[in-house]
Amino acid sequence: MNTEDACKYAAEQAISEDESLKKGMEEKSNKFAEKGAEVYAKA
């Protein structure tokens, strides 16, 4: 998520940009954990 996306998402959800970034990072964290939480993916 880039800054422009965060601003747009915040406006759509009627939340602050900081809240938008926090929510986005939580989503990315969950996806990372679901994939095994490994920095290097197995080929």
PDB file of N, CA and C in Angstrom:
ATOM      1  N   MET A   1       0.865  -1.170   0.000  1.00  0.00           N
ATOM      2  CA  MET A   1       0.000   0.000   0.000  1.00  0.00           C
ATOM      3  C   MET A   1       0.908   1.228   0.000  1.00  0.00           C
ATOM      4  N   ASN A   2       0.679   2.116  -0.938  1.00  0.00           N
ATOM      5  CA  ASN A   2       1.454   3.341  -0.956  1.00  0.00           C
ATOM      6  C   ASN A   2       0.653   4.469  -0.306  1.00  0.00           C
ATOM      7  N   THR A   3       1.273   5.630  -0.190  1.00  0.00           N
ATOM      8  CA  THR A   3       0.644   6.755   0.495  1.00  0.00           C
ATOM      9  C   THR A   3      -0.660   7.177  -0.170  1.00  0.00           C
ATOM     10  N   GLU A   4      -0.672   7.197  -1.491  1.00  0.00           N
ATOM     11  CA  GLU A   4      -1.888   7.588  -2.211  1.00  0.00           C
ATOM     12  C   GLU A   4      -3.021   6.605  -1.932  1.00  0.00           C
ATOM     13  N   ASP A   5      -2.701   5.307  -1.941  1.00  0.00           N
ATOM     14  CA  ASP A   5      -3.704   4.289  -1.646  1.00  0.00           C
ATOM     15  C   ASP A   5      -4.222   4.437  -0.220  1.00  0.00           C
ATOM     16  N   ALA A   6      -3.310   4.715   0.709  1.00  0.00           N
ATOM     17  CA  ALA A   6      -3.694   4.873   2.115  1.00  0.00           C
ATOM     18  C   ALA A   6      -4.638   6.054   2.287  1.00  0.00           C
ATOM     19  N   CYS A   7      -4.343   7.151   1.611  1.00  0.00           N
ATOM     20  CA  CYS A   7      -5.208   8.335   1.694  1.00  0.00           C
ATOM     21  C   CYS A   7      -6.585   8.046   1.120  1.00  0.00           C
ATOM     22  N   LYS A   8      -6.611   7.383  -0.030  1.00  0.00           N
ATOM     23  CA  LYS A   8      -7.879   7.044  -0.679  1.00  0.00           C
ATOM     24  C   LYS A   8      -8.696   6.091   0.195  1.00  0.00           C
ATOM     25  N   TYR A   9      -8.033   5.057   0.728  1.00  0.00           N
ATOM     26  CA  TYR A   9      -8.712   4.090   1.586  1.00  0.00           C
ATOM     27  C   TYR A   9      -9.255   4.782   2.836  1.00  0.00           C
ATOM     28  N   ALA A  10      -8.455   5.660   3.438  1.00  0.00           N
ATOM     29  CA  ALA A  10      -8.885   6.380   4.640  1.00  0.00           C
ATOM     30  C   ALA A  10     -10.135   7.203   4.350  1.00  0.00           C
ATOM     31  N   ALA A  11     -10.149   7.880   3.216  1.00  0.00           N
ATOM     32  CA  ALA A  11     -11.307   8.691   2.851  1.00  0.00           C
ATOM     33  C   ALA A  11     -12.538   7.818   2.635  1.00  0.00           C
ATOM     34  N   GLU A  12     -12.363   6.680   1.968  1.00  0.00           N
ATOM     35  CA  GLU A  12     -13.483   5.777   1.699  1.00  0.00           C
ATOM     36  C   GLU A  12     -14.049   5.183   2.983  1.00  0.00           C
ATOM     37  N   GLN A  13     -13.180   4.901   3.951  1.00  0.00           N
ATOM     38  CA  GLN A  13     -13.603   4.262   5.190  1.00  0.00           C
ATOM     39  C   GLN A  13     -13.931   5.272   6.296  1.00  0.00           C
ATOM     40  N   ALA A  14     -13.737   6.559   6.013  1.00  0.00           N
ATOM     41  CA  ALA A  14     -13.964   7.632   6.992  1.00  0.00           C
ATOM     42  C   ALA A  14     -13.117   7.420   8.245  1.00  0.00           C
ATOM     43  N   ILE A  15     -11.831   7.083   8.023  1.00  0.00           N
ATOM     44  CA  ILE A  15     -10.880   6.928   9.117  1.00  0.00           C
ATOM     45  C   ILE A  15      -9.648   7.774   8.815  1.00  0.00           C
ATOM     46  N   SER A  16      -8.793   7.951   9.816  1.00  0.00           N
ATOM     47  CA  SER A  16      -7.593   8.761   9.602  1.00  0.00           C
ATOM     48  C   SER A  16      -6.577   7.992   8.761  1.00  0.00           C
ATOM     49  N   GLU A  17      -5.621   8.727   8.189  1.00  0.00           N
ATOM     50  CA  GLU A  17      -4.576   8.085   7.394  1.00  0.00           C
ATOM     51  C   GLU A  17      -3.739   7.155   8.261  1.00  0.00           C
ATOM     52  N   ASP A  18      -3.477   7.546   9.503  1.00  0.00           N
ATOM     53  CA  ASP A  18      -2.715   6.685  10.413  1.00  0.00           C
ATOM     54  C   ASP A  18      -3.447   5.372  10.666  1.00  0.00           C
ATOM     55  N   GLU A  19      -4.752   5.454  10.883  1.00  0.00           N
ATOM     56  CA  GLU A  19      -5.541   4.246  11.091  1.00  0.00           C
ATOM     57  C   GLU A  19      -5.528   3.373   9.841  1.00  0.00           C
ATOM     58  N   SER A  20      -5.596   4.018   8.685  1.00  0.00           N
ATOM     59  CA  SER A  20      -5.567   3.300   7.419  1.00  0.00           C
ATOM     60  C   SER A  20      -4.253   2.536   7.267  1.00  0.00           C
ATOM     61  N   LEU A  21      -3.133   3.193   7.566  1.00  0.00           N
ATOM     62  CA  LEU A  21      -1.829   2.533   7.469  1.00  0.00           C
ATOM     63  C   LEU A  21      -1.712   1.385   8.462  1.00  0.00           C
ATOM     64  N   LYS A  22      -2.200   1.591   9.675  1.00  0.00           N
ATOM     65  CA  LYS A  22      -2.157   0.539  10.698  1.00  0.00           C
ATOM     66  C   LYS A  22      -2.960  -0.677  10.247  1.00  0.00           C
ATOM     67  N   LYS A  23      -4.150  -0.431   9.714  1.00  0.00           N
ATOM     68  CA  LYS A  23      -5.007  -1.520   9.250  1.00  0.00           C
ATOM     69  C   LYS A  23      -4.350  -2.265   8.089  1.00  0.00           C
ATOM     70  N   GLY A  24      -3.733  -1.517   7.173  1.00  0.00           N
ATOM     71  CA  GLY A  24      -3.040  -2.135   6.047  1.00  0.00           C
ATOM     72  C   GLY A  24      -1.881  -3.007   6.496  1.00  0.00           C
ATOM     73  N   MET A  25      -1.124  -2.535   7.482  1.00  0.00           N
ATOM     74  CA  MET A  25       0.000  -3.315   7.993  1.00  0.00           C
ATOM     75  C   MET A  25      -0.487  -4.580   8.717  1.00  0.00           C
ATOM     76  N   GLU A  26      -1.604  -4.481   9.405  1.00  0.00           N
ATOM     77  CA  GLU A  26      -2.177  -5.659  10.066  1.00  0.00           C
ATOM     78  C   GLU A  26      -2.574  -6.704   9.026  1.00  0.00           C
ATOM     79  N   GLU A  27      -3.167  -6.263   7.923  1.00  0.00           N
ATOM     80  CA  GLU A  27      -3.564  -7.183   6.862  1.00  0.00           C
ATOM     81  C   GLU A  27      -2.339  -7.860   6.250  1.00  0.00           C
ATOM     82  N   LYS A  28      -1.278  -7.071   5.982  1.00  0.00           N
ATOM     83  CA  LYS A  28      -0.045  -7.628   5.413  1.00  0.00           C
ATOM     84  C   LYS A  28       0.583  -8.618   6.380  1.00  0.00           C
ATOM     85  N   SER A  29       0.548  -8.300   7.671  1.00  0.00           N
ATOM     86  CA  SER A  29       1.109  -9.178   8.689  1.00  0.00           C
ATOM     87  C   SER A  29       0.364 -10.512   8.720  1.00  0.00           C
ATOM     88  N   ASN A  30      -0.950 -10.448   8.621  1.00  0.00           N
ATOM     89  CA  ASN A  30      -1.753 -11.673   8.619  1.00  0.00           C
ATOM     90  C   ASN A  30      -1.451 -12.530   7.390  1.00  0.00           C
ATOM     91  N   LYS A  31      -1.313 -11.907   6.227  1.00  0.00           N
ATOM     92  CA  LYS A  31      -0.988 -12.649   5.006  1.00  0.00           C
ATOM     93  C   LYS A  31       0.383 -13.295   5.124  1.00  0.00           C
ATOM     94  N   PHE A  32       1.348 -12.564   5.698  1.00  0.00           N
ATOM     95  CA  PHE A  32       2.695 -13.086   5.898  1.00  0.00           C
ATOM     96  C   PHE A  32       2.654 -14.322   6.806  1.00  0.00           C
ATOM     97  N   ALA A  33       1.902 -14.239   7.881  1.00  0.00           N
ATOM     98  CA  ALA A  33       1.788 -15.367   8.818  1.00  0.00           C
ATOM     99  C   ALA A  33       1.111 -16.561   8.152  1.00  0.00           C
ATOM    100  N   GLU A  34       0.087 -16.311   7.331  1.00  0.00           N
ATOM    101  CA  GLU A  34      -0.625 -17.382   6.653  1.00  0.00           C
ATOM    102  C   GLU A  34       0.297 -18.155   5.679  1.00  0.00           C
ATOM    103  N   LYS A  35       1.275 -17.446   5.125  1.00  0.00           N
ATOM    104  CA  LYS A  35       2.192 -18.067   4.168  1.00  0.00           C
ATOM    105  C   LYS A  35       3.384 -18.730   4.849  1.00  0.00           C
ATOM    106  N   GLY A  36       3.373 -18.783   6.173  1.00  0.00           N
ATOM    107  CA  GLY A  36       4.420 -19.474   6.892  1.00  0.00           C
ATOM    108  C   GLY A  36       5.403 -18.570   7.607  1.00  0.00           C
ATOM    109  N   ALA A  37       5.267 -17.285   7.478  1.00  0.00           N
ATOM    110  CA  ALA A  37       6.107 -16.300   8.172  1.00  0.00           C
ATOM    111  C   ALA A  37       7.594 -16.520   7.927  1.00  0.00           C
ATOM    112  N   GLU A  38       7.953 -16.873   6.712  1.00  0.00           N
ATOM    113  CA  GLU A  38       9.353 -17.060   6.359  1.00  0.00           C
ATOM    114  C   GLU A  38       9.777 -15.907   5.435  1.00  0.00           C
ATOM    115  N   VAL A  39      10.979 -15.370   5.709  1.00  0.00           N
ATOM    116  CA  VAL A  39      11.477 -14.253   4.927  1.00  0.00           C
ATOM    117  C   VAL A  39      11.821 -14.715   3.501  1.00  0.00           C
ATOM    118  N   TYR A  40      12.390 -15.884   3.386  1.00  0.00           N
ATOM    119  CA  TYR A  40      12.765 -16.400   2.080  1.00  0.00           C
ATOM    120  C   TYR A  40      11.815 -17.530   1.699  1.00  0.00           C
ATOM    121  N   ALA A  41      11.129 -17.367   0.576  1.00  0.00           N
ATOM    122  CA  ALA A  41      10.198 -18.386   0.105  1.00  0.00           C
ATOM    123  C   ALA A  41      10.966 -19.525  -0.530  1.00  0.00           C
ATOM    124  N   LYS A  42      10.461 -20.732  -0.365  1.00  0.00           N
ATOM    125  CA  LYS A  42      11.081 -21.908  -0.981  1.00  0.00           C
ATOM    126  C   LYS A  42      10.768 -21.910  -2.474  1.00  0.00           C
ATOM    127  N   ALA A  43      11.775 -22.215  -3.263  1.00  0.00           N
ATOM    128  CA  ALA A  43      11.605 -22.194  -4.710  1.00  0.00           C
ATOM    129  C   ALA A  43      10.912 -23.435  -5.219  1.00  0.00           C
TER     130      ALA A  43
END
